[in-house]
Protein backbone atom coordinates (compact mmCIF):
# COMPACT_ATOMS: atom_id res chain seq x y z
CA MET A 1 0.00 0.01 0.03
CA GLU A 2 2.94 2.42 0.61
CA ASP A 3 4.21 1.63 -2.77
CA TYR A 4 0.65 2.57 -4.28
CA GLU A 5 0.58 5.88 -2.24
CA LYS A 6 4.01 6.85 -3.64
CA GLN A 7 3.09 6.11 -7.23
CA LEU A 8 -0.07 7.84 -6.88
CA GLU A 9 1.73 10.89 -5.44
CA ILE A 10 4.08 10.88 -8.58
CA ALA A 11 0.90 10.36 -10.90
CA CYS A 12 -0.91 13.23 -9.47
CA GLU A 13 2.09 15.58 -9.93
CA LYS A 14 2.41 14.39 -13.67
CA PHE A 15 -1.31 14.95 -13.90
CA LYS A 16 -1.08 18.51 -12.57
CA LYS A 17 1.64 19.44 -15.11
CA VAL A 18 -0.61 18.29 -17.96
CA LEU A 19 -3.50 20.46 -16.67
CA GLU A 20 -1.46 23.33 -16.10
CA GLY A 21 -0.20 23.27 -19.67
CA GLN A 22 -3.77 22.95 -21.02
CA LEU A 23 -4.87 25.87 -18.84
CA LYS A 24 -2.23 28.06 -20.21
CA ARG A 25 -3.43 27.03 -23.63
CA VAL A 26 -6.91 27.95 -22.80
CA GLU A 27 -5.70 31.67 -21.91
CA ASP A 28 -3.84 31.81 -25.05
CA MET A 29 -6.71 30.95 -27.19
CA LYS A 30 -8.79 33.62 -25.17
CA ALA A 31 -6.22 36.17 -26.25
CA GLN A 32 -5.96 35.37 -30.04
CA GLY A 33 -6.89 37.82 -32.68
CA GLY A 34 -8.63 37.22 -36.05
CA PHE A 35 -7.56 35.23 -39.21
CA VAL A 36 -4.68 36.45 -41.52
CA ASP A 37 -5.94 38.55 -44.51
CA TYR A 38 -3.69 37.32 -47.15
CA THR A 39 -4.81 39.96 -49.54
CA LYS A 40 -3.18 42.45 -47.59
CA LEU A 41 0.27 40.77 -47.60
CA ASP A 42 2.89 41.77 -49.96
CA CYS A 43 4.32 38.47 -50.25
CA ILE A 44 2.97 35.19 -49.15
CA LYS A 45 5.65 33.11 -48.08
CA ILE A 46 5.15 29.28 -48.78
CA GLY A 47 7.41 26.88 -46.90
CA VAL A 48 7.84 23.47 -48.65
CA CYS A 49 8.78 20.79 -46.21
CA GLY A 50 9.22 17.21 -47.81
CA GLY A 51 9.03 15.18 -44.85
CA ASP A 52 10.24 11.59 -45.19
CA GLY A 53 9.48 8.32 -46.97
CA ILE A 54 7.64 9.01 -50.14
CA GLY A 55 6.98 12.66 -48.90
CA PRO A 56 9.73 14.25 -50.85
CA THR A 57 8.59 12.52 -54.02
CA ILE A 58 4.99 13.57 -53.84
CA THR A 59 5.79 17.02 -52.26
CA ALA A 60 8.04 17.87 -55.18
CA GLN A 61 5.25 17.26 -57.83
CA ALA A 62 2.86 19.20 -55.66
CA ARG A 63 5.37 22.08 -55.56
CA ARG A 64 5.90 21.98 -59.28
CA VAL A 65 2.46 22.06 -60.05
CA LEU A 66 1.72 24.81 -57.55
CA GLU A 67 4.69 26.98 -59.10
CA PHE A 68 2.95 26.50 -62.50
CA VAL A 69 -0.26 27.49 -61.19
CA LEU A 70 1.28 30.50 -59.37
CA ALA A 71 3.91 31.48 -62.01
CA ASP A 72 2.82 35.05 -62.59
CA LEU A 73 2.61 35.80 -58.80
CA LYS A 74 5.94 34.21 -58.37
CA GLU A 75 7.59 36.33 -60.87
CA ALA A 76 6.00 39.47 -59.57
CA GLY A 77 7.40 38.70 -56.05
CA ARG A 78 3.99 38.19 -54.61
CA VAL A 79 4.62 34.61 -53.59
CA GLU A 80 7.88 33.01 -52.56
CA PHE A 81 8.74 29.47 -52.10
CA ILE A 82 10.91 28.48 -49.27
CA ASP A 83 12.69 25.18 -48.86
CA ILE A 84 12.45 23.69 -45.14
CA ASP A 85 14.76 20.77 -44.71
CA GLY A 86 15.28 18.53 -41.55
CA LEU A 87 11.94 17.18 -40.84
CA THR A 88 13.08 13.57 -41.68
CA ILE A 89 12.72 10.91 -39.08
CA GLU A 90 16.67 10.38 -38.99
CA ASN A 91 17.14 14.23 -38.05
CA ARG A 92 14.24 14.20 -35.47
CA ILE A 93 15.86 11.08 -33.83
CA LYS A 94 19.20 12.66 -33.92
CA GLN A 95 17.81 15.99 -32.39
CA LYS A 96 15.40 14.08 -30.04
CA LYS A 97 12.77 16.39 -30.94
CA ALA A 98 9.41 15.89 -32.84
CA ILE A 99 10.31 19.09 -34.63
CA PRO A 100 13.88 20.37 -34.43
CA ASP A 101 14.22 24.00 -33.16
CA ASP A 102 15.63 25.41 -36.62
CA VAL A 103 12.90 23.72 -38.39
CA MET A 104 10.31 25.11 -36.08
CA ALA A 105 11.85 28.51 -36.65
CA ALA A 106 11.78 28.14 -40.44
CA LEU A 107 8.12 27.04 -40.19
CA LYS A 108 7.11 30.09 -38.08
CA GLY A 109 8.83 32.30 -40.70
CA CYS A 110 6.27 31.36 -43.27
CA HIS A 111 2.53 32.10 -43.71
CA ILE A 112 1.67 28.70 -45.45
CA ILE A 113 3.23 25.46 -45.31
CA LEU A 114 3.17 22.66 -47.83
CA LYS A 115 4.29 19.38 -45.91
CA GLY A 116 4.94 16.02 -47.14
CA PRO A 117 4.25 12.86 -44.92
CA THR A 118 6.30 12.17 -41.87
CA THR A 119 7.16 9.05 -40.14
CA THR A 120 5.98 8.67 -36.40
CA PRO A 121 7.66 6.08 -34.29
CA GLN A 122 5.53 3.71 -32.50
CA LYS A 123 6.19 1.39 -29.28
CA GLY A 124 7.96 -1.68 -30.32
CA ASP A 125 9.77 -0.50 -33.58
CA GLY A 126 13.19 0.23 -31.97
CA MET A 127 12.76 3.91 -32.39
CA PRO A 128 12.78 6.54 -29.59
CA ASN A 129 9.43 7.69 -28.21
CA ILE A 130 9.32 10.95 -30.21
CA GLU A 131 5.87 12.74 -30.62
CA SER A 132 4.32 12.77 -34.05
CA ALA A 133 5.61 15.78 -36.14
CA ASN A 134 2.16 16.42 -37.27
CA VAL A 135 0.74 16.67 -33.89
CA ALA A 136 3.68 18.82 -32.61
CA MET A 137 3.21 21.07 -35.54
CA ARG A 138 -0.60 21.56 -35.12
CA LYS A 139 0.03 22.33 -31.56
CA ALA A 140 3.01 24.43 -31.99
CA LEU A 141 1.22 26.71 -34.81
CA ASP A 142 -2.32 26.21 -33.19
CA LEU A 143 -3.51 24.70 -36.44
CA PHE A 144 -6.96 23.83 -34.85
CA ALA A 145 -9.00 22.82 -37.88
CA ASN A 146 -8.23 19.76 -40.05
CA ILE A 147 -10.51 20.04 -43.15
CA ARG A 148 -10.63 16.98 -45.37
CA PRO A 149 -12.95 16.99 -48.47
CA VAL A 150 -14.17 13.70 -50.18
CA LYS A 151 -15.90 13.79 -53.56
CA VAL A 152 -17.02 10.88 -55.85
CA PRO A 153 -19.66 12.46 -58.25
CA SER A 154 -20.79 9.22 -59.68
CA GLU A 155 -21.80 8.12 -56.28
CA GLY A 156 -23.31 11.36 -55.00
CA ILE A 157 -20.69 11.71 -52.43
CA ASN A 158 -19.50 15.24 -51.79
CA TRP A 159 -18.26 15.41 -47.94
CA THR A 160 -16.35 18.00 -46.21
CA ILE A 161 -14.97 16.62 -42.75
CA PHE A 162 -14.13 19.17 -39.96
CA ARG A 163 -11.84 17.58 -37.45
CA GLU A 164 -10.90 19.32 -34.45
CA ASN A 165 -7.03 19.15 -34.56
CA THR A 166 -5.44 20.20 -31.23
CA GLU A 167 -7.49 18.66 -28.49
CA GLY A 168 -9.02 15.10 -27.98
CA GLY A 169 -6.83 12.17 -27.47
CA TYR A 170 -4.04 13.64 -29.50
CA ALA A 171 -3.68 16.72 -27.38
CA VAL A 172 -1.22 15.35 -25.01
CA GLY A 173 -0.62 11.98 -26.92
CA SER A 174 3.11 11.57 -25.51
CA SER A 175 2.21 12.64 -21.97
CA GLY A 176 0.47 9.57 -20.73
CA PHE A 177 2.24 7.45 -18.28
CA ASN A 178 2.33 4.14 -16.27
CA VAL A 179 1.04 4.78 -12.73
CA THR A 180 1.97 1.36 -11.82
CA ASP A 181 3.27 -1.79 -13.72
CA ASP A 182 -0.35 -2.78 -14.16
CA LEU A 183 -2.14 0.69 -14.59
CA ALA A 184 -1.42 2.99 -17.68
CA VAL A 185 -3.36 6.36 -18.20
CA ASP A 186 -3.56 8.69 -21.29
CA PHE A 187 -5.77 11.76 -21.50
CA THR A 188 -8.46 13.28 -23.69
CA ILE A 189 -8.74 17.12 -23.59
CA THR A 190 -11.69 19.15 -24.62
CA THR A 191 -12.05 22.94 -23.99
CA LYS A 192 -14.99 25.30 -24.64
CA GLN A 193 -12.81 27.68 -26.70
CA GLY A 194 -11.37 24.79 -28.95
CA SER A 195 -14.88 23.24 -29.57
CA GLU A 196 -16.35 26.71 -30.48
CA ARG A 197 -13.88 27.70 -32.87
CA ILE A 198 -14.02 24.50 -34.93
CA ALA A 199 -17.64 24.49 -34.85
CA ARG A 200 -17.74 27.98 -36.05
CA LEU A 201 -15.48 27.45 -38.95
CA ALA A 202 -17.66 24.37 -40.07
CA TYR A 203 -20.81 26.31 -40.04
CA GLU A 204 -19.32 29.31 -41.70
CA TYR A 205 -18.13 26.90 -44.46
CA ALA A 206 -21.53 25.41 -44.77
CA ARG A 207 -23.29 28.81 -44.89
CA LYS A 208 -20.67 30.02 -47.53
CA ASN A 209 -21.09 27.17 -49.68
CA GLY A 210 -24.93 26.91 -49.64
CA LEU A 211 -24.86 23.45 -47.66
CA GLY A 212 -27.84 22.79 -45.46
CA ARG A 213 -26.46 20.05 -42.95
CA VAL A 214 -23.92 19.61 -40.42
CA SER A 215 -23.56 16.44 -38.87
CA LEU A 216 -22.03 16.13 -35.28
CA VAL A 217 -20.15 12.96 -34.68
CA THR A 218 -19.22 11.73 -30.96
CA LYS A 219 -19.50 9.11 -28.53
CA ALA A 220 -21.13 11.29 -25.95
CA ASN A 221 -23.46 8.60 -24.81
CA VAL A 222 -20.35 6.78 -23.28
CA ILE A 223 -17.63 9.49 -23.20
CA LYS A 224 -20.07 11.80 -21.27
CA THR A 225 -17.96 14.73 -20.18
CA THR A 226 -15.34 15.47 -23.02
CA ASP A 227 -17.55 14.31 -25.82
CA GLY A 228 -20.75 15.56 -23.99
CA ASN A 229 -19.13 19.05 -23.79
CA PHE A 230 -17.96 19.19 -27.49
CA LEU A 231 -21.56 18.31 -28.56
CA GLU A 232 -23.12 20.95 -26.21
CA ASP A 233 -20.62 23.80 -27.50
CA CYS A 234 -21.27 22.77 -31.07
CA HIS A 235 -25.12 23.09 -30.60
CA LYS A 236 -24.59 26.60 -29.02
CA VAL A 237 -22.76 27.60 -32.32
CA ALA A 238 -25.51 25.70 -34.57
CA ASN A 239 -28.19 27.98 -32.92
CA GLU A 240 -26.68 30.90 -34.69
CA TYR A 241 -27.14 29.21 -38.12
CA PRO A 242 -30.86 28.41 -38.16
CA GLU A 243 -30.88 27.82 -41.83
CA ILE A 244 -28.91 24.91 -41.52
CA VAL A 245 -30.04 21.43 -40.16
CA THR A 246 -27.84 19.98 -37.44
CA ASP A 247 -27.93 16.34 -36.59
CA GLU A 248 -26.04 14.01 -34.41
CA TRP A 249 -24.30 10.57 -35.00
CA TYR A 250 -22.28 8.34 -32.81
CA ALA A 251 -18.80 7.60 -34.24
CA ASP A 252 -19.36 3.96 -34.62
CA ILE A 253 -22.79 4.23 -36.37
CA MET A 254 -21.13 6.99 -38.72
CA THR A 255 -18.63 4.42 -39.94
CA ALA A 256 -21.56 2.14 -40.73
CA LYS A 257 -23.69 4.75 -42.49
CA LEU A 258 -20.83 6.05 -44.75
CA VAL A 259 -21.05 2.58 -46.47
CA ASP A 260 -24.64 2.71 -46.70
CA THR A 261 -25.42 3.82 -50.42
CA LYS A 262 -28.94 5.37 -49.52
CA ARG A 263 -28.02 7.29 -46.48
CA ARG A 264 -24.34 8.45 -47.29
CA LYS A 265 -25.62 10.82 -50.11
CA ASP A 266 -27.34 12.86 -47.29
CA PHE A 267 -24.06 13.88 -45.52
CA GLN A 268 -22.60 17.39 -46.39
CA VAL A 269 -20.54 18.68 -43.51
CA LEU A 270 -19.14 16.34 -40.86
CA LEU A 271 -17.89 17.93 -37.58
CA LEU A 272 -15.82 15.65 -35.13
CA PRO A 273 -13.46 15.64 -32.25
CA ASN A 274 -9.85 14.87 -33.16
CA LEU A 275 -9.50 11.04 -33.01
CA TYR A 276 -13.09 10.27 -34.49
CA GLY A 277 -12.27 12.68 -37.36
CA ASP A 278 -8.85 11.00 -38.12
CA ILE A 279 -10.56 7.53 -38.31
CA ILE A 280 -13.69 8.42 -40.18
CA SER A 281 -11.96 10.78 -42.87
CA ASP A 282 -9.55 7.70 -43.66
CA GLU A 283 -12.49 5.63 -44.08
CA ALA A 284 -14.21 8.37 -46.20
CA ALA A 285 -11.11 8.71 -48.39
CA GLU A 286 -11.30 5.00 -49.44
CA PHE A 287 -14.62 5.80 -51.44
CA GLN A 288 -12.45 8.34 -53.50
CA GLY A 289 -9.80 5.92 -54.26
CA GLY A 290 -7.95 5.65 -51.03
CA VAL A 291 -5.89 7.76 -48.78
CA GLY A 292 -3.45 8.41 -51.47
CA THR A 293 -6.01 10.47 -53.15
CA ALA A 294 -7.02 12.79 -50.20
CA GLY A 295 -5.40 16.09 -49.10
CA CYS A 296 -6.14 18.10 -46.20
CA ALA A 297 -5.97 21.72 -44.63
CA ASN A 298 -4.72 22.36 -41.23
CA ILE A 299 -6.06 25.85 -40.60
CA GLY A 300 -5.21 28.25 -37.63
CA LYS A 301 -5.47 31.98 -37.29
CA LYS A 302 -1.92 33.00 -37.92
CA TYR A 303 -0.62 29.84 -39.85
CA ALA A 304 -2.06 27.14 -42.33
CA MET A 305 -0.49 23.89 -43.25
CA PHE A 306 -1.54 21.60 -46.26
CA GLU A 307 -0.79 18.00 -46.49
CA ALA A 308 -1.73 14.41 -47.57
CA ILE A 309 -3.71 12.57 -45.02
CA HIS A 310 -1.75 9.52 -45.40
CA GLY A 311 1.51 8.38 -43.86
CA SER A 312 5.11 8.23 -45.25
CA ALA A 313 5.01 4.64 -46.73
CA PRO A 314 8.50 3.63 -45.81
CA ARG A 315 7.73 0.10 -47.37
CA MET A 316 7.47 1.71 -50.81
CA VAL A 317 10.73 3.52 -50.40
CA LYS A 318 12.43 -0.03 -49.30
CA GLU A 319 11.15 -1.65 -52.26
CA GLY A 320 12.25 1.03 -54.65
CA ARG A 321 8.60 2.02 -55.53
CA ALA A 322 8.68 5.68 -54.34
CA LYS A 323 8.73 7.20 -57.77
CA TYR A 324 5.45 5.45 -58.47
CA ALA A 325 3.59 7.11 -55.44
CA ASP A 326 0.49 8.93 -55.93
CA PRO A 327 0.75 12.62 -55.71
CA CYS A 328 -3.12 13.25 -55.83
CA SER A 329 -3.24 13.79 -52.00
CA MET A 330 -0.69 16.57 -52.04
CA LEU A 331 -2.27 18.03 -55.25
CA ARG A 332 -5.80 18.01 -53.47
CA ALA A 333 -4.18 19.82 -50.68
CA CYS A 334 -2.75 22.49 -53.10
CA VAL A 335 -6.44 23.19 -53.98
CA MET A 336 -7.17 23.81 -50.60
CA LEU A 337 -4.09 26.12 -50.23
CA LEU A 338 -5.12 28.13 -53.13
CA SER A 339 -8.50 28.53 -51.84
CA HIS A 340 -7.27 29.54 -48.41
CA ILE A 341 -5.27 32.30 -49.60
CA GLY A 342 -7.88 33.86 -51.58
CA LEU A 343 -7.43 32.42 -55.17
CA GLN A 344 -10.35 30.57 -55.54
CA GLU A 345 -10.58 30.80 -59.46
CA ARG A 346 -7.12 29.06 -59.57
CA ALA A 347 -8.04 26.50 -56.98
CA ASP A 348 -11.25 25.67 -59.07
CA ARG A 349 -9.14 25.25 -62.21
CA LEU A 350 -6.65 22.87 -60.42
CA GLU A 351 -9.54 20.88 -58.90
CA ARG A 352 -11.14 20.54 -62.33
CA ALA A 353 -7.96 19.35 -63.94
CA LEU A 354 -7.54 16.86 -61.09
CA ASP A 355 -11.12 15.54 -61.70
CA ILE A 356 -10.56 15.15 -65.31
CA CYS A 357 -7.14 13.43 -64.63
CA SER A 358 -8.61 11.09 -61.85
CA PHE A 359 -12.29 10.38 -62.66
CA GLU A 360 -13.01 11.31 -66.32
CA GLU A 361 -10.16 10.97 -69.10
CA LYS A 362 -7.93 8.99 -66.73
CA LYS A 363 -5.29 8.72 -69.57
CA LEU A 364 -2.75 7.78 -66.71
CA VAL A 365 -3.46 5.54 -63.74
CA ILE A 366 -1.19 5.41 -60.61
CA THR A 367 -0.95 1.91 -59.01
CA GLY A 368 2.02 2.39 -56.93
CA ARG A 369 4.09 0.02 -59.14
CA GLU A 370 5.58 -0.39 -62.39
CA THR A 371 2.11 -1.28 -63.80
CA GLY A 372 1.07 2.48 -63.47
CA ALA A 373 2.48 5.95 -64.13
CA THR A 374 5.26 7.56 -62.10
CA CYS A 375 4.59 10.44 -59.66
CA GLU A 376 6.33 12.85 -62.21
CA GLN A 377 4.36 11.71 -65.24
CA PHE A 378 1.02 12.32 -63.41
CA GLY A 379 2.38 15.69 -62.50
CA ASP A 380 2.93 16.31 -66.15
CA TYR A 381 -0.49 15.23 -67.10
CA VAL A 382 -2.11 17.79 -64.55
CA MET A 383 -0.16 20.61 -65.96
CA GLU A 384 -0.94 19.49 -69.59
CA THR A 385 -4.64 19.52 -68.53
CA LEU A 386 -4.42 22.93 -66.91
CA ASN A 387 -3.08 24.25 -70.22
CA LYS A 388 -6.08 23.12 -72.33
């Protein structure tokens, strides 16, 4: 029993530190201003961070297409591309940090980040316990909204998933601990400020795009406090948008209903806490052709980061197949990047070119192997389509 008392004291002290950090974050959120107005910037700085695994390969093609779309603005000095190295798993292990200090400083020197996938160590793989670079970046830059669109016109699917990005089970994912040899604890974090701002962004998006339904997805029937508070705070925001229908779904049932060919056409905007959003957006991407086809935006008030939703696929690199990786995830992210900085017409042109290349003409097919096109060939195809 004395052993238990000592272990509880240690656990309580660790828990206190977790809570202190989160309470400080709440105060920081309260003090935040508004969103950056990119139209008022003399030059928009876009940091390009390749990551590791297949990341550098697909990011290079995304950058090439993006520079093609922005050629006139780049030439006029209104857009600048900045290379940011050092986010490889090897360097992160060497520095013993999720994001090395010099890399973080470079990221904070940009307005927009185009980021390739990064490898996250997991227990049992022989690598140090380093936090996910994605999670670390989202927290450090306060990228609170993860937005993932999924579209399959032939099946009537047109979903936009708003995943809260800085709270939930991922907020302090590396801060859990073993209380005893028998008991381990992790934490789920929900704040009123965090729930309110992701909800407002989702409802504003629905209103702006003429969408009449927002679906709230939780497990509030079981996770009563954190999920319950998220649900309650979202409903408070929903009350300000009476023209939009708000419905509720449990996360497990939502995974089933996305497969229901009759029901899934009804969904438009999905609004979820962090963990459920991660899982369900990956499932949703499968209908579009897999996670390799889906990009996402990570939006904050000061910074924004655009990336693929999938991992770094080290097996493809090991097998010499990196050049056959599908760049569509990063190219779809570029569509969102262009829209975010106020270049909607260019975003629409790129999205249309990707739809032609991926769903309609399909002159080239990416298989991830020699049986399909290379990443570079697909990039060429997209730019040829843009020129038509």
